[in-house]
C-alpha atoms as a PDB file:
ATOM      1  CA  MET A   1     131.683 -83.838 191.858  1.00  0.00           C
ATOM      2  CA  MET A   2     128.875 -82.625 193.857  1.00  0.00           C
ATOM      3  CA  ARG A   3     127.133 -85.677 196.056  1.00  0.00           C
ATOM      4  CA  LYS A   4     123.340 -85.560 194.798  1.00  0.00           C
ATOM      5  CA  LEU A   5     121.827 -86.008 198.111  1.00  0.00           C
ATOM      6  CA  PRO A   6     118.053 -87.998 197.751  1.00  0.00           C
ATOM      7  CA  PHE A   7     115.408 -85.324 198.757  1.00  0.00           C
ATOM      8  CA  GLN A   8     112.313 -87.005 199.322  1.00  0.00           C
ATOM      9  CA  SER A   9     110.122 -84.967 201.055  1.00  0.00           C
ATOM     10  CA  SER A  10     106.804 -83.119 199.220  1.00  0.00           C
ATOM     11  CA  LEU A  11     108.653 -80.699 199.125  1.00  0.00           C
ATOM     12  CA  HIS A  12     111.871 -82.388 196.849  1.00  0.00           C
ATOM     13  CA  GLU A  13     111.134 -80.786 193.538  1.00  0.00           C
ATOM     14  CA  PHE A  14     111.432 -77.493 194.646  1.00  0.00           C
ATOM     15  CA  ILE A  15     114.382 -77.820 197.165  1.00  0.00           C
ATOM     16  CA  SER A  16     116.262 -79.350 193.897  1.00  0.00           C
ATOM     17  CA  GLY A  17     115.354 -76.472 191.768  1.00  0.00           C
ATOM     18  CA  CYS A  18     116.712 -73.980 194.256  1.00  0.00           C
ATOM     19  CA  ILE A  19     119.612 -75.615 194.442  1.00  0.00           C
ATOM     20  CA  LEU A  20     120.650 -75.765 190.781  1.00  0.00           C
ATOM     21  CA  GLU A  21     119.423 -72.261 190.423  1.00  0.00           C
ATOM     22  CA  LYS A  22     121.809 -71.188 192.928  1.00  0.00           C
ATOM     23  CA  ARG A  23     124.792 -73.161 191.601  1.00  0.00           C
ATOM     24  CA  ALA A  24     123.864 -72.485 187.903  1.00  0.00           C
ATOM     25  CA  VAL A  25     125.140 -68.181 189.202  1.00  0.00           C
ATOM     26  CA  GLY A  26     127.999 -69.561 190.798  1.00  0.00           C
ATOM     27  CA  TYR A  27     127.287 -70.771 194.033  1.00  0.00           C
ATOM     28  CA  LYS A  28     128.996 -73.574 195.223  1.00  0.00           C
ATOM     29  CA  TYR A  29     125.932 -74.263 197.628  1.00  0.00           C
ATOM     30  CA  THR A  30     127.481 -77.430 199.092  1.00  0.00           C
ATOM     31  CA  THR A  31     126.953 -76.942 202.638  1.00  0.00           C
ATOM     32  CA  SER A  32     123.068 -74.781 202.195  1.00  0.00           C
ATOM     33  CA  ALA A  33     122.582 -78.098 200.088  1.00  0.00           C
ATOM     34  CA  TRP A  34     123.352 -80.513 203.344  1.00  0.00           C
ATOM     35  CA  SER A  35     121.111 -78.197 205.365  1.00  0.00           C
ATOM     36  CA  LEU A  36     118.361 -78.532 202.599  1.00  0.00           C
ATOM     37  CA  TYR A  37     118.848 -82.007 203.234  1.00  0.00           C
ATOM     38  CA  LYS A  38     118.049 -82.254 206.659  1.00  0.00           C
ATOM     39  CA  PHE A  39     115.341 -80.157 206.426  1.00  0.00           C
ATOM     40  CA  ASP A  40     113.916 -82.500 203.617  1.00  0.00           C
ATOM     41  CA  GLN A  41     113.889 -85.126 206.305  1.00  0.00           C
ATOM     42  CA  PHE A  42     112.583 -82.999 209.056  1.00  0.00           C
ATOM     43  CA  CYS A  43     109.561 -82.537 206.780  1.00  0.00           C
ATOM     44  CA  ILE A  44     109.094 -86.732 206.551  1.00  0.00           C
ATOM     45  CA  SER A  45     109.912 -86.787 210.742  1.00  0.00           C
ATOM     46  CA  GLN A  46     106.356 -84.176 210.629  1.00  0.00           C
ATOM     47  CA  SER A  47     104.587 -86.457 207.897  1.00  0.00           C
ATOM     48  CA  TYR A  48     105.018 -82.756 206.047  1.00  0.00           C
ATOM     49  CA  THR A  49     102.919 -83.353 202.610  1.00  0.00           C
ATOM     50  CA  GLU A  50     101.992 -79.464 201.734  1.00  0.00           C
ATOM     51  CA  THR A  51     103.662 -78.251 198.538  1.00  0.00           C
ATOM     52  CA  VAL A  52     103.863 -74.700 199.819  1.00  0.00           C
ATOM     53  CA  ILE A  53     106.064 -73.743 202.878  1.00  0.00           C
ATOM     54  CA  THR A  54     103.958 -72.575 205.574  1.00  0.00           C
ATOM     55  CA  ARG A  55     104.059 -70.707 208.765  1.00  0.00           C
ATOM     56  CA  ASP A  56     104.375 -73.159 211.368  1.00  0.00           C
ATOM     57  CA  LEU A  57     106.460 -75.216 209.131  1.00  0.00           C
ATOM     58  CA  ALA A  58     109.114 -72.471 209.227  1.00  0.00           C
ATOM     59  CA  HIS A  59     109.077 -71.743 212.293  1.00  0.00           C
ATOM     60  CA  ALA A  60     109.341 -75.588 213.551  1.00  0.00           C
ATOM     61  CA  TRP A  61     112.390 -75.767 211.952  1.00  0.00           C
ATOM     62  CA  ILE A  62     114.626 -72.748 212.916  1.00  0.00           C
ATOM     63  CA  GLN A  63     113.708 -73.363 216.299  1.00  0.00           C
ATOM     64  CA  ARG A  64     117.330 -73.840 218.258  1.00  0.00           C
ATOM     65  CA  LYS A  65     118.458 -77.366 218.611  1.00  0.00           C
ATOM     66  CA  PRO A  66     120.350 -78.061 222.321  1.00  0.00           C
ATOM     67  CA  ASN A  67     123.966 -76.904 222.515  1.00  0.00           C
ATOM     68  CA  GLU A  68     123.348 -75.443 218.901  1.00  0.00           C
ATOM     69  CA  ALA A  69     125.359 -72.088 218.416  1.00  0.00           C
ATOM     70  CA  LEU A  70     123.074 -69.244 216.869  1.00  0.00           C
ATOM     71  CA  ALA A  71     125.329 -68.795 213.651  1.00  0.00           C
ATOM     72  CA  THR A  72     124.160 -72.193 212.755  1.00  0.00           C
ATOM     73  CA  GLN A  73     120.806 -71.533 213.847  1.00  0.00           C
ATOM     74  CA  GLN A  74     120.789 -68.441 211.862  1.00  0.00           C
ATOM     75  CA  ASN A  75     122.552 -70.345 208.570  1.00  0.00           C
ATOM     76  CA  ARG A  76     119.862 -72.887 208.807  1.00  0.00           C
ATOM     77  CA  ALA A  77     116.892 -70.032 209.248  1.00  0.00           C
ATOM     78  CA  GLY A  78     118.601 -68.204 206.031  1.00  0.00           C
ATOM     79  CA  VAL A  79     119.020 -71.596 203.702  1.00  0.00           C
ATOM     80  CA  LEU A  80     115.148 -71.929 204.434  1.00  0.00           C
ATOM     81  CA  ARG A  81     114.057 -68.053 203.163  1.00  0.00           C
ATOM     82  CA  GLN A  82     116.070 -68.653 200.244  1.00  0.00           C
ATOM     83  CA  LEU A  83     114.013 -71.786 199.612  1.00  0.00           C
ATOM     84  CA  ALA A  84     110.849 -69.629 200.035  1.00  0.00           C
ATOM     85  CA  LEU A  85     111.708 -67.195 197.869  1.00  0.00           C
ATOM     86  CA  TYR A  86     112.731 -69.393 195.147  1.00  0.00           C
ATOM     87  CA  MET A  87     109.090 -71.152 195.506  1.00  0.00           C
ATOM     88  CA  THR A  88     108.126 -67.470 195.682  1.00  0.00           C
ATOM     89  CA  ARG A  89     109.191 -66.401 192.152  1.00  0.00           C
ATOM     90  CA  LEU A  90     107.554 -69.623 191.119  1.00  0.00           C
ATOM     91  CA  GLY A  91     104.363 -68.518 191.867  1.00  0.00           C
ATOM     92  CA  LEU A  92     103.797 -70.935 195.296  1.00  0.00           C
ATOM     93  CA  PRO A  93     102.358 -69.002 198.134  1.00  0.00           C
ATOM     94  CA  SER A  94     105.113 -69.683 200.546  1.00  0.00           C
ATOM     95  CA  TYR A  95     105.866 -68.352 204.016  1.00  0.00           C
ATOM     96  CA  VAL A  96     108.994 -66.134 203.647  1.00  0.00           C
ATOM     97  CA  LEU A  97     110.913 -66.066 206.926  1.00  0.00           C
ATOM     98  CA  PRO A  98     111.615 -62.185 208.176  1.00  0.00           C
ATOM     99  CA  PRO A  99     115.385 -61.616 207.476  1.00  0.00           C
ATOM    100  CA  LYS A 100     115.635 -60.597 211.143  1.00  0.00           C
ATOM    101  CA  ILE A 101     113.711 -62.742 212.788  1.00  0.00           C
ATOM    102  CA  LEU A 102     116.826 -64.403 215.004  1.00  0.00           C
ATOM    103  CA  PRO A 103     119.193 -62.217 217.249  1.00  0.00           C
ATOM    104  CA  ARG A 104     122.172 -61.173 216.082  1.00  0.00           C
ATOM    105  CA  LYS A 105     125.449 -63.357 216.052  1.00  0.00           C
ATOM    106  CA  GLU A 106     126.970 -63.963 219.607  1.00  0.00           C
ATOM    107  CA  HIS A 107     130.417 -61.893 219.699  1.00  0.00           C
ATOM    108  CA  TYR A 108     133.375 -63.978 219.499  1.00  0.00           C
ATOM    109  CA  GLN A 109     136.647 -62.276 220.267  1.00  0.00           C
ATOM    110  CA  PRO A 110     139.267 -64.772 218.084  1.00  0.00           C
ATOM    111  CA  TYR A 111     141.871 -66.820 220.534  1.00  0.00           C
ATOM    112  CA  ILE A 112     145.259 -65.946 219.292  1.00  0.00           C
ATOM    113  CA  PHE A 113     147.698 -68.736 220.748  1.00  0.00           C
ATOM    114  CA  SER A 114     151.026 -67.112 222.238  1.00  0.00           C
ATOM    115  CA  ASP A 115     154.058 -69.001 220.784  1.00  0.00           C
ATOM    116  CA  ALA A 116     154.762 -71.000 223.621  1.00  0.00           C
ATOM    117  CA  GLU A 117     150.964 -72.232 223.058  1.00  0.00           C
ATOM    118  CA  VAL A 118     151.338 -73.004 219.495  1.00  0.00           C
ATOM    119  CA  THR A 119     154.780 -75.214 220.469  1.00  0.00           C
ATOM    120  CA  ALA A 120     153.013 -77.039 222.750  1.00  0.00           C
ATOM    121  CA  ILE A 121     149.819 -78.053 220.220  1.00  0.00           C
ATOM    122  CA  LEU A 122     152.604 -78.359 217.966  1.00  0.00           C
ATOM    123  CA  SER A 123     154.599 -81.024 220.210  1.00  0.00           C
ATOM    124  CA  LYS A 124     151.494 -83.033 220.989  1.00  0.00           C
ATOM    125  CA  VAL A 125     150.712 -83.384 217.370  1.00  0.00           C
ATOM    126  CA  ASP A 126     154.385 -84.295 216.513  1.00  0.00           C
ATOM    127  CA  ALA A 127     153.394 -87.305 219.124  1.00  0.00           C
ATOM    128  CA  CYS A 128     150.482 -88.537 217.204  1.00  0.00           C
ATOM    129  CA  HIS A 129     150.518 -92.517 217.441  1.00  0.00           C
ATOM    130  CA  TYR A 130     149.459 -94.559 214.402  1.00  0.00           C
ATOM    131  CA  CYS A 131     146.132 -95.796 214.161  1.00  0.00           C
ATOM    132  CA  SER A 132     144.692 -98.661 212.434  1.00  0.00           C
ATOM    133  CA  GLN A 133     141.300 -96.858 212.152  1.00  0.00           C
ATOM    134  CA  VAL A 134     143.141 -94.251 210.438  1.00  0.00           C
ATOM    135  CA  PRO A 135     146.658 -95.699 209.045  1.00  0.00           C
ATOM    136  CA  LEU A 136     147.960 -91.892 207.869  1.00  0.00           C
ATOM    137  CA  ARG A 137     146.487 -90.573 210.538  1.00  0.00           C
ATOM    138  CA  HIS A 138     150.491 -90.265 212.459  1.00  0.00           C
ATOM    139  CA  LEU A 139     151.861 -88.746 208.746  1.00  0.00           C
ATOM    140  CA  ILE A 140     148.589 -86.559 208.401  1.00  0.00           C
ATOM    141  CA  MET A 141     148.714 -83.988 211.548  1.00  0.00           C
ATOM    142  CA  PRO A 142     151.957 -82.862 211.932  1.00  0.00           C
ATOM    143  CA  LEU A 143     151.785 -80.959 208.641  1.00  0.00           C
ATOM    144  CA  LEU A 144     148.152 -80.617 208.335  1.00  0.00           C
ATOM    145  CA  PHE A 145     148.312 -78.388 211.689  1.00  0.00           C
ATOM    146  CA  ARG A 146     151.428 -76.826 210.383  1.00  0.00           C
ATOM    147  CA  LEU A 147     150.070 -75.572 207.266  1.00  0.00           C
ATOM    148  CA  LEU A 148     147.108 -74.382 209.271  1.00  0.00           C
ATOM    149  CA  TYR A 149     149.345 -72.485 211.507  1.00  0.00           C
ATOM    150  CA  GLY A 150     152.301 -71.861 209.221  1.00  0.00           C
ATOM    151  CA  CYS A 151     150.416 -70.488 206.026  1.00  0.00           C
ATOM    152  CA  GLY A 152     147.015 -69.613 207.330  1.00  0.00           C
ATOM    153  CA  LEU A 153     144.790 -71.684 205.483  1.00  0.00           C
ATOM    154  CA  ARG A 154     141.153 -72.521 206.135  1.00  0.00           C
ATOM    155  CA  LEU A 155     140.773 -75.933 206.907  1.00  0.00           C
ATOM    156  CA  SER A 156     138.752 -76.968 203.991  1.00  0.00           C
ATOM    157  CA  GLU A 157     140.967 -75.471 201.751  1.00  0.00           C
ATOM    158  CA  ALA A 158     143.699 -77.862 203.273  1.00  0.00           C
ATOM    159  CA  LEU A 159     141.537 -81.027 203.240  1.00  0.00           C
ATOM    160  CA  ASN A 160     140.547 -79.891 199.529  1.00  0.00           C
ATOM    161  CA  LEU A 161     144.047 -79.931 198.183  1.00  0.00           C
ATOM    162  CA  HIS A 162     145.127 -82.795 195.629  1.00  0.00           C
ATOM    163  CA  ARG A 163     148.309 -84.019 195.125  1.00  0.00           C
ATOM    164  CA  SER A 164     148.681 -81.995 192.065  1.00  0.00           C
ATOM    165  CA  ASP A 165     148.116 -78.547 194.117  1.00  0.00           C
ATOM    166  CA  VAL A 166     151.420 -79.103 195.846  1.00  0.00           C
ATOM    167  CA  ASP A 167     154.234 -77.679 194.129  1.00  0.00           C
ATOM    168  CA  LEU A 168     157.029 -79.872 195.828  1.00  0.00           C
ATOM    169  CA  ASP A 169     159.684 -78.242 193.832  1.00  0.00           C
ATOM    170  CA  GLU A 170     158.460 -74.019 194.171  1.00  0.00           C
ATOM    171  CA  GLY A 171     157.337 -74.928 197.431  1.00  0.00           C
ATOM    172  CA  VAL A 172     153.688 -73.200 196.569  1.00  0.00           C
ATOM    173  CA  LEU A 173     150.089 -74.358 197.496  1.00  0.00           C
ATOM    174  CA  THR A 174     147.552 -73.683 195.009  1.00  0.00           C
ATOM    175  CA  ILE A 175     144.548 -73.115 196.294  1.00  0.00           C
ATOM    176  CA  ILE A 176     141.561 -73.655 193.846  1.00  0.00           C
ATOM    177  CA  ASP A 177     138.018 -72.193 194.119  1.00  0.00           C
ATOM    178  CA  GLY A 178     138.126 -70.906 197.823  1.00  0.00           C
ATOM    179  CA  LYS A 179     135.812 -69.305 199.673  1.00  0.00           C
ATOM    180  CA  PHE A 180     134.272 -66.588 197.322  1.00  0.00           C
ATOM    181  CA  ASN A 181     135.469 -68.662 194.891  1.00  0.00           C
ATOM    182  CA  LYS A 182     138.978 -67.385 194.590  1.00  0.00           C
ATOM    183  CA  ASP A 183     142.069 -69.022 193.432  1.00  0.00           C
ATOM    184  CA  ARG A 184     145.323 -68.397 194.786  1.00  0.00           C
ATOM    185  CA  LEU A 185     148.838 -69.453 195.526  1.00  0.00           C
ATOM    186  CA  VAL A 186     150.417 -69.712 198.863  1.00  0.00           C
ATOM    187  CA  PRO A 187     153.764 -69.990 199.350  1.00  0.00           C
ATOM    188  CA  MET A 188     155.448 -72.443 201.902  1.00  0.00           C
ATOM    189  CA  SER A 189     158.182 -71.650 204.174  1.00  0.00           C
ATOM    190  CA  MET A 190     161.666 -74.129 203.729  1.00  0.00           C
ATOM    191  CA  ASN A 191     161.061 -76.154 206.640  1.00  0.00           C
ATOM    192  CA  ASN A 192     157.419 -77.041 205.728  1.00  0.00           C
ATOM    193  CA  LEU A 193     158.160 -77.358 202.147  1.00  0.00           C
ATOM    194  CA  ASP A 194     160.464 -80.036 203.600  1.00  0.00           C
ATOM    195  CA  ARG A 195     157.804 -81.833 205.641  1.00  0.00           C
ATOM    196  CA  CYS A 196     155.369 -81.659 202.361  1.00  0.00           C
ATOM    197  CA  ARG A 197     158.198 -84.139 200.702  1.00  0.00           C
ATOM    198  CA  ARG A 198     158.858 -86.457 203.549  1.00  0.00           C
ATOM    199  CA  TYR A 199     155.036 -86.695 203.959  1.00  0.00           C
ATOM    200  CA  ALA A 200     154.757 -87.092 200.190  1.00  0.00           C
ATOM    201  CA  GLN A 201     157.214 -89.624 200.170  1.00  0.00           C
ATOM    202  CA  ALA A 202     155.792 -91.979 203.272  1.00  0.00           C
ATOM    203  CA  ALA A 203     152.064 -91.250 201.660  1.00  0.00           C
ATOM    204  CA  HIS A 204     151.358 -90.659 198.229  1.00  0.00           C
ATOM    205  CA  THR A 205     154.278 -92.979 196.558  1.00  0.00           C
ATOM    206  CA  LEU A 206     151.438 -94.275 194.298  1.00  0.00           C
ATOM    207  CA  SER A 207     149.633 -91.626 194.283  1.00  0.00           C
ATOM    208  CA  ASP A 208     147.870 -90.112 191.006  1.00  0.00           C
ATOM    209  CA  ASP A 209     148.069 -86.400 190.405  1.00  0.00           C
ATOM    210  CA  GLN A 210     144.350 -85.910 192.065  1.00  0.00           C
ATOM    211  CA  ALA A 211     144.482 -87.706 194.932  1.00  0.00           C
ATOM    212  CA  TYR A 212     143.868 -85.936 197.312  1.00  0.00           C
ATOM    213  CA  PHE A 213     146.805 -84.812 199.760  1.00  0.00           C
ATOM    214  CA  PHE A 214     145.255 -85.462 203.239  1.00  0.00           C
ATOM    215  CA  PRO A 215     143.093 -88.433 202.398  1.00  0.00           C
ATOM    216  CA  SER A 216     140.746 -90.585 204.879  1.00  0.00           C
ATOM    217  CA  PRO A 217     140.985 -94.607 204.520  1.00  0.00           C
ATOM    218  CA  THR A 218     137.994 -94.299 201.484  1.00  0.00           C
ATOM    219  CA  GLY A 219     139.748 -92.048 199.432  1.00  0.00           C
ATOM    220  CA  ASN A 220     137.889 -89.114 200.154  1.00  0.00           C
ATOM    221  CA  PRO A 221     139.271 -85.801 201.768  1.00  0.00           C
ATOM    222  CA  MET A 222     140.089 -86.043 205.940  1.00  0.00           C
ATOM    223  CA  THR A 223     136.492 -85.030 207.240  1.00  0.00           C
ATOM    224  CA  ILE A 224     136.664 -81.807 209.027  1.00  0.00           C
ATOM    225  CA  GLY A 225     135.159 -83.663 212.225  1.00  0.00           C
ATOM    226  CA  ASN A 226     137.641 -86.363 212.391  1.00  0.00           C
ATOM    227  CA  VAL A 227     140.408 -83.244 212.406  1.00  0.00           C
ATOM    228  CA  TYR A 228     138.539 -81.447 215.038  1.00  0.00           C
ATOM    229  CA  LYS A 229     138.102 -84.267 217.383  1.00  0.00           C
ATOM    230  CA  ASN A 230     142.218 -84.592 216.993  1.00  0.00           C
ATOM    231  CA  TYR A 231     142.516 -80.816 217.559  1.00  0.00           C
ATOM    232  CA  ARG A 232     140.117 -81.333 220.926  1.00  0.00           C
ATOM    233  CA  ARG A 233     142.530 -84.040 222.168  1.00  0.00           C
ATOM    234  CA  PHE A 234     145.759 -82.305 221.492  1.00  0.00           C
ATOM    235  CA  LEU A 235     144.735 -78.755 223.173  1.00  0.00           C
ATOM    236  CA  TRP A 236     143.932 -80.903 226.136  1.00  0.00           C
ATOM    237  CA  GLN A 237     147.633 -82.640 226.103  1.00  0.00           C
ATOM    238  CA  ALA A 238     148.825 -79.078 225.405  1.00  0.00           C
ATOM    239  CA  GLY A 239     147.040 -77.325 228.827  1.00  0.00           C
ATOM    240  CA  ILE A 240     145.153 -75.329 226.795  1.00  0.00           C
ATOM    241  CA  SER A 241     141.410 -75.382 227.976  1.00  0.00           C
ATOM    242  CA  HIS A 242     138.417 -74.969 225.739  1.00  0.00           C
ATOM    243  CA  GLY A 243     134.723 -73.653 226.364  1.00  0.00           C
ATOM    244  CA  GLY A 244     133.020 -76.606 224.250  1.00  0.00           C
ATOM    245  CA  TRP A 245     131.638 -76.399 220.984  1.00  0.00           C
ATOM    246  CA  GLY A 246     131.752 -73.149 219.166  1.00  0.00           C
ATOM    247  CA  LYS A 247     133.680 -71.377 222.329  1.00  0.00           C
ATOM    248  CA  GLY A 248     136.990 -71.852 221.360  1.00  0.00           C
ATOM    249  CA  PRO A 249     139.818 -71.604 220.874  1.00  0.00           C
ATOM    250  CA  ARG A 250     138.623 -72.682 217.481  1.00  0.00           C
ATOM    251  CA  LEU A 251     140.433 -74.421 214.996  1.00  0.00           C
ATOM    252  CA  HIS A 252     140.002 -71.183 213.017  1.00  0.00           C
ATOM    253  CA  ASP A 253     141.754 -69.269 215.585  1.00  0.00           C
ATOM    254  CA  LEU A 254     145.091 -70.891 213.603  1.00  0.00           C
ATOM    255  CA  ARG A 255     144.527 -68.944 211.092  1.00  0.00           C
ATOM    256  CA  HIS A 256     143.875 -65.779 212.682  1.00  0.00           C
ATOM    257  CA  THR A 257     146.961 -66.629 214.824  1.00  0.00           C
ATOM    258  CA  HIS A 258     148.806 -66.797 211.735  1.00  0.00           C
ATOM    259  CA  CYS A 259     147.946 -63.281 210.566  1.00  0.00           C
ATOM    260  CA  VAL A 260     148.319 -61.737 213.833  1.00  0.00           C
ATOM    261  CA  HIS A 261     152.100 -63.194 214.503  1.00  0.00           C
ATOM    262  CA  CYS A 262     153.006 -61.955 210.853  1.00  0.00           C
ATOM    263  CA  LEU A 263     151.727 -58.514 211.606  1.00  0.00           C
ATOM    264  CA  ARG A 264     153.657 -58.841 215.118  1.00  0.00           C
ATOM    265  CA  ARG A 265     156.787 -59.637 213.482  1.00  0.00           C
ATOM    266  CA  TRP A 266     156.692 -57.102 210.683  1.00  0.00           C
ATOM    267  CA  VAL A 267     155.952 -54.633 213.028  1.00  0.00           C
ATOM    268  CA  LEU A 268     158.948 -55.358 215.301  1.00  0.00           C
ATOM    269  CA  GLU A 269     161.051 -55.159 211.778  1.00  0.00           C
ATOM    270  CA  GLY A 270     159.981 -52.073 211.030  1.00  0.00           C
ATOM    271  CA  ALA A 271     158.311 -53.309 207.986  1.00  0.00           C
ATOM    272  CA  ASP A 272     155.948 -50.612 205.501  1.00  0.00           C
ATOM    273  CA  LEU A 273     152.970 -52.180 206.382  1.00  0.00           C
ATOM    274  CA  ALA A 274     151.085 -50.183 203.957  1.00  0.00           C
ATOM    275  CA  ALA A 275     152.915 -52.097 201.435  1.00  0.00           C
ATOM    276  CA  TYR A 276     152.763 -55.506 203.284  1.00  0.00           C
ATOM    277  CA  LEU A 277     148.806 -55.648 204.112  1.00  0.00           C
ATOM    278  CA  PRO A 278     147.866 -56.213 200.413  1.00  0.00           C
ATOM    279  CA  ILE A 279     150.058 -58.829 200.168  1.00  0.00           C
ATOM    280  CA  LEU A 280     148.817 -60.557 203.292  1.00  0.00           C
ATOM    281  CA  LYS A 281     145.067 -59.925 202.428  1.00  0.00           C
ATOM    282  CA  THR A 282     145.995 -61.728 198.782  1.00  0.00           C
ATOM    283  CA  TYR A 283     147.990 -64.480 200.924  1.00  0.00           C
ATOM    284  CA  MET A 284     144.921 -65.027 202.922  1.00  0.00           C
ATOM    285  CA  GLY A 285     142.574 -64.851 200.263  1.00  0.00           C
ATOM    286  CA  HIS A 286     140.792 -61.738 202.058  1.00  0.00           C
ATOM    287  CA  TYR A 287     137.556 -60.705 200.202  1.00  0.00           C
ATOM    288  CA  SER A 288     138.044 -57.238 201.539  1.00  0.00           C
ATOM    289  CA  PHE A 289     141.001 -54.903 202.990  1.00  0.00           C
ATOM    290  CA  GLN A 290     139.123 -54.661 206.131  1.00  0.00           C
ATOM    291  CA  ASP A 291     139.022 -58.277 207.053  1.00  0.00           C
ATOM    292  CA  THR A 292     142.889 -57.871 206.969  1.00  0.00           C
ATOM    293  CA  ALA A 293     142.940 -54.666 208.286  1.00  0.00           C
ATOM    294  CA  HIS A 294     141.037 -56.208 211.548  1.00  0.00           C
ATOM    295  CA  TYR A 295     144.261 -57.914 212.508  1.00  0.00           C
ATOM    296  CA  LEU A 296     145.923 -54.305 212.910  1.00  0.00           C
ATOM    297  CA  ARG A 297     143.855 -53.803 215.725  1.00  0.00           C
ATOM    298  CA  LEU A 298     143.955 -56.622 217.214  1.00  0.00           C
ATOM    299  CA  THR A 299     148.205 -57.169 217.085  1.00  0.00           C
ATOM    300  CA  ALA A 300     147.749 -53.798 218.859  1.00  0.00           C
ATOM    301  CA  GLU A 301     145.490 -55.201 221.495  1.00  0.00           C
ATOM    302  CA  LEU A 302     147.132 -57.988 222.255  1.00  0.00           C
ATOM    303  CA  PHE A 303     150.647 -57.168 222.170  1.00  0.00           C
ATOM    304  CA  PRO A 304     150.750 -54.186 224.306  1.00  0.00           C
ATOM    305  CA  ASP A 305     154.874 -54.429 224.752  1.00  0.00           C
ATOM    306  CA  ILE A 306     154.923 -52.549 220.873  1.00  0.00           C
ATOM    307  CA  THR A 307     152.430 -50.484 221.301  1.00  0.00           C
ATOM    308  CA  ALA A 308     154.546 -47.370 220.467  1.00  0.00           C
ATOM    309  CA  LYS A 309     156.264 -49.518 217.167  1.00  0.00           C
ATOM    310  CA  SER A 310     152.434 -50.473 216.578  1.00  0.00           C
ATOM    311  CA  GLU A 311     150.815 -47.122 216.684  1.00  0.00           C
ATOM    312  CA  ARG A 312     154.090 -45.423 214.045  1.00  0.00           C
ATOM    313  CA  ALA A 313     153.619 -48.241 211.754  1.00  0.00           C
ATOM    314  CA  PHE A 314     149.442 -48.431 211.769  1.00  0.00           C
ATOM    315  CA  GLY A 315     149.104 -44.701 211.383  1.00  0.00           C
ATOM    316  CA  ASP A 316     145.696 -43.787 209.696  1.00  0.00           C
ATOM    317  CA  ILE A 317     145.041 -47.279 208.643  1.00  0.00           C
ATOM    318  CA  VAL A 318     144.027 -48.836 212.124  1.00  0.00           C
ATOM    319  CA  PRO A 319     140.032 -49.100 211.828  1.00  0.00           C
ATOM    320  CA  THR A 320     137.939 -47.767 214.623  1.00  0.00           C
ATOM    321  CA  LEU A 321     134.901 -49.298 213.337  1.00  0.00           C
ATOM    322  CA  GLY A 322     134.424 -52.593 211.479  1.00  0.00           C
ATOM    323  CA  GLY A 323     135.613 -56.215 212.648  1.00  0.00           C
ATOM    324  CA  ASP A 324     133.269 -57.673 215.015  1.00  0.00           C
ATOM    325  CA  GLY A 325     135.195 -60.593 216.228  1.00  0.00           C
ATOM    326  CA  ASN A 326     133.036 -63.028 214.181  1.00  0.00           C
ATOM    327  CA  GLU A 327     135.351 -62.983 211.040  1.00  0.00           C
ATOM    328  CA  THR A 328     135.517 -66.534 209.766  1.00  0.00           C
ATOM    329  CA  ASN A 329     137.627 -65.134 206.104  1.00  0.00           C
END
């Protein structure tokens, strides 16, 4: 069940209505709802009493915060724009932010971990010790990070797994309502299946099918913030430098690394990529073929030792345009 947020500003009625409309047509609108909650709190802090969105309010809200990523600022502006459009449709003369009021997103080149770096990270993850505040942390982290890299899962997909979504007989993960509202099946390696079985025996002896597979002490999913904090520690322990928030290597780069390492292996094995790419697209839950094909060029660029083989294998399917490095799929 989605958490109901307590909107209290003079715009609370319209914020709630906008969220209901978005969800009625199929959007999850969870992150955007939280953004609107923060906007609601901002209105209260500014003692705002109008029942329309003024230009001054909109521009005050979208000011970039200290250390805020440009993408986050753009998302805040985009969500506010949707609220203003909703209010305009209701006949309320609200100020609608121009669609290109902010600069384009900063270019981010995915960080692809080397085999040695993956090994180093996992060795530090495996050394994660018991923590009384998060009693299952030492059991969760080694498996969670192997699913992020070994299965290419998005972090939100892994954290939202329920006990019933992990088939310990067939070795298949069921991703329910993932990005783009897609469901998909994700087979695991035998090694990860064995780890899932051992983890379930240790952590889920008394759990029902609807229990979260990676729970926090409250029974909710382990939080993204908790995982990120541990990830930063593992990177530091593994001797891998981090550029700071939004600079990378990001947690999502484990997913990018999974794709590139799969393609590298297939090229070296002489696999028919024309046949394998649709499988990878489905496995990763990509929205379009272009999302998957971007990794072809990235693989060839990162591993010059297989350039000749990759050129023969990729042929004309390597994209010359598209894939700007900001892919978050």
